[in-house]
Protein backbone atom coordinates (compact mmCIF):
# COMPACT_ATOMS: atom_id res chain seq x y z
CA UNK A 1 7.18 -1.86 105.07
CA UNK A 2 8.87 -2.09 108.44
CA UNK A 3 7.92 -0.15 111.52
CA UNK A 4 10.88 1.28 113.43
CA UNK A 5 10.68 2.10 117.13
CA UNK A 6 13.14 3.94 119.33
CA UNK A 7 13.26 5.76 122.63
CA UNK A 8 15.22 8.72 123.88
CA UNK A 9 15.60 10.13 127.35
CA UNK A 10 14.72 13.79 126.87
CA UNK A 11 14.85 15.19 130.39
CA UNK A 12 16.08 14.43 133.89
CA UNK A 13 14.61 16.29 136.83
CA UNK A 14 16.60 16.51 140.05
CA UNK A 15 15.61 17.28 143.62
CA UNK A 16 16.19 20.83 144.79
CA UNK A 17 17.42 19.51 148.13
CA UNK A 18 20.91 20.90 148.42
CA UNK A 19 22.41 17.45 147.83
CA UNK A 20 24.22 16.60 144.61
CA UNK A 21 21.70 16.24 141.76
CA UNK A 22 19.47 13.39 142.91
CA UNK A 23 17.42 12.38 139.86
CA UNK A 24 13.75 12.12 140.78
CA UNK A 25 12.02 12.04 137.42
CA UNK A 26 12.92 10.83 133.94
CA UNK A 27 11.14 11.86 130.74
CA UNK A 28 11.30 9.45 127.83
CA UNK A 29 10.15 10.08 124.28
CA UNK A 30 9.04 7.08 122.25
CA UNK A 31 9.10 7.51 118.47
CA UNK A 32 7.85 5.15 115.79
CA UNK A 33 7.55 5.33 112.00
CA UNK A 34 7.21 3.12 108.98
CA UNK A 35 10.31 3.23 106.83
CA UNK A 36 8.21 3.22 103.65
CA UNK A 37 6.78 6.67 104.48
CA UNK A 38 8.55 8.19 107.47
CA UNK A 39 7.15 11.68 106.96
CA UNK A 40 3.50 10.60 107.09
CA UNK A 41 3.82 7.91 109.74
CA UNK A 42 6.08 9.38 112.43
CA UNK A 43 4.40 9.41 115.81
CA UNK A 44 5.86 10.33 119.20
CA UNK A 45 4.68 9.89 122.77
CA UNK A 46 6.26 11.19 125.96
CA UNK A 47 6.09 9.57 129.34
CA UNK A 48 7.44 10.59 132.73
CA UNK A 49 8.74 8.11 135.26
CA UNK A 50 9.14 8.93 138.95
CA UNK A 51 12.11 7.50 140.82
CA UNK A 52 12.10 6.59 144.51
CA UNK A 53 14.42 9.13 146.12
CA UNK A 54 13.68 8.37 149.77
CA UNK A 55 16.92 7.85 151.70
CA UNK A 56 19.03 8.64 148.59
CA UNK A 57 22.05 10.88 148.83
CA UNK A 58 25.47 11.23 147.29
CA UNK A 59 26.77 8.93 150.03
CA UNK A 60 24.37 6.09 149.12
CA UNK A 61 25.79 2.77 147.92
CA UNK A 62 26.07 2.62 144.15
CA UNK A 63 25.83 6.41 143.79
CA UNK A 64 26.55 7.64 140.27
CA UNK A 65 27.51 11.30 139.95
CA UNK A 66 25.21 13.26 137.67
CA UNK A 67 28.05 14.03 135.25
CA UNK A 68 28.82 10.31 134.93
CA UNK A 69 25.26 9.19 134.14
CA UNK A 70 24.55 7.43 130.87
CA UNK A 71 21.25 6.58 129.20
CA UNK A 72 21.91 2.90 129.99
CA UNK A 73 22.30 3.63 133.72
CA UNK A 74 19.09 5.67 133.88
CA UNK A 75 17.15 3.10 131.82
CA UNK A 76 18.37 0.45 134.25
CA UNK A 77 16.88 2.40 137.14
CA UNK A 78 13.50 2.32 135.39
CA UNK A 79 13.63 -1.45 134.80
CA UNK A 80 10.42 -3.22 133.86
CA UNK A 81 8.38 -0.03 134.26
CA UNK A 82 10.18 1.31 131.17
CA UNK A 83 9.96 -1.90 129.16
CA UNK A 84 6.25 -2.35 129.98
CA UNK A 85 5.50 1.25 128.99
CA UNK A 86 7.54 0.85 125.82
CA UNK A 87 5.61 -2.30 124.85
CA UNK A 88 2.28 -0.52 125.37
CA UNK A 89 3.38 2.56 123.42
CA UNK A 90 4.73 0.46 120.54
CA UNK A 91 1.44 -1.43 120.32
CA UNK A 92 -0.51 1.83 120.07
CA UNK A 93 1.96 3.39 117.63
CA UNK A 94 1.87 0.29 115.41
CA UNK A 95 -1.93 0.36 115.28
CA UNK A 96 -1.94 4.05 114.37
CA UNK A 97 0.74 3.66 111.68
CA UNK A 98 -1.10 0.69 110.19
CA UNK A 99 -4.31 2.72 110.02
CA UNK A 100 -2.46 5.56 108.26
CA UNK A 101 -0.92 3.25 105.67
CA UNK A 102 -4.01 1.09 105.14
CA UNK A 103 -7.02 3.08 106.31
CA UNK A 104 -10.03 0.98 107.27
CA UNK A 105 -13.04 1.11 104.98
CA UNK A 106 -15.54 3.74 106.13
CA UNK A 107 -18.68 2.43 107.82
CA UNK A 108 -20.87 4.46 105.45
CA UNK A 109 -20.46 6.05 102.03
CA UNK A 110 -22.43 8.57 99.96
CA UNK A 111 -24.34 7.05 97.09
CA UNK A 112 -25.99 8.73 94.11
CA UNK A 113 -29.69 9.15 94.42
CA UNK A 114 -31.63 6.47 92.52
CA UNK A 115 -33.80 9.01 90.67
């Protein structure tokens, strides 16, 4: 039993400002599953991250053209906000997967009548 976690950037939103595709929002999907029963334990969560676009343009220092972006570049923009969110999501996903694989005992149970 080993829980696997991964993330995927699923969407980039750009400003409709007339400039060249300034990314303003990134959507990331976090997926986790236990490799002993992937079908029953797969869970996904999506999160959106807003980027500071003030004073950004295609003439800004370090500008990367939209067509040259990579997942690594975009993840770098998100920095610790992404890693903190990922840690929180993985903690929740792990708890859920554990409860699916080893459900907690119910607080109450039906019992046959004594008569």
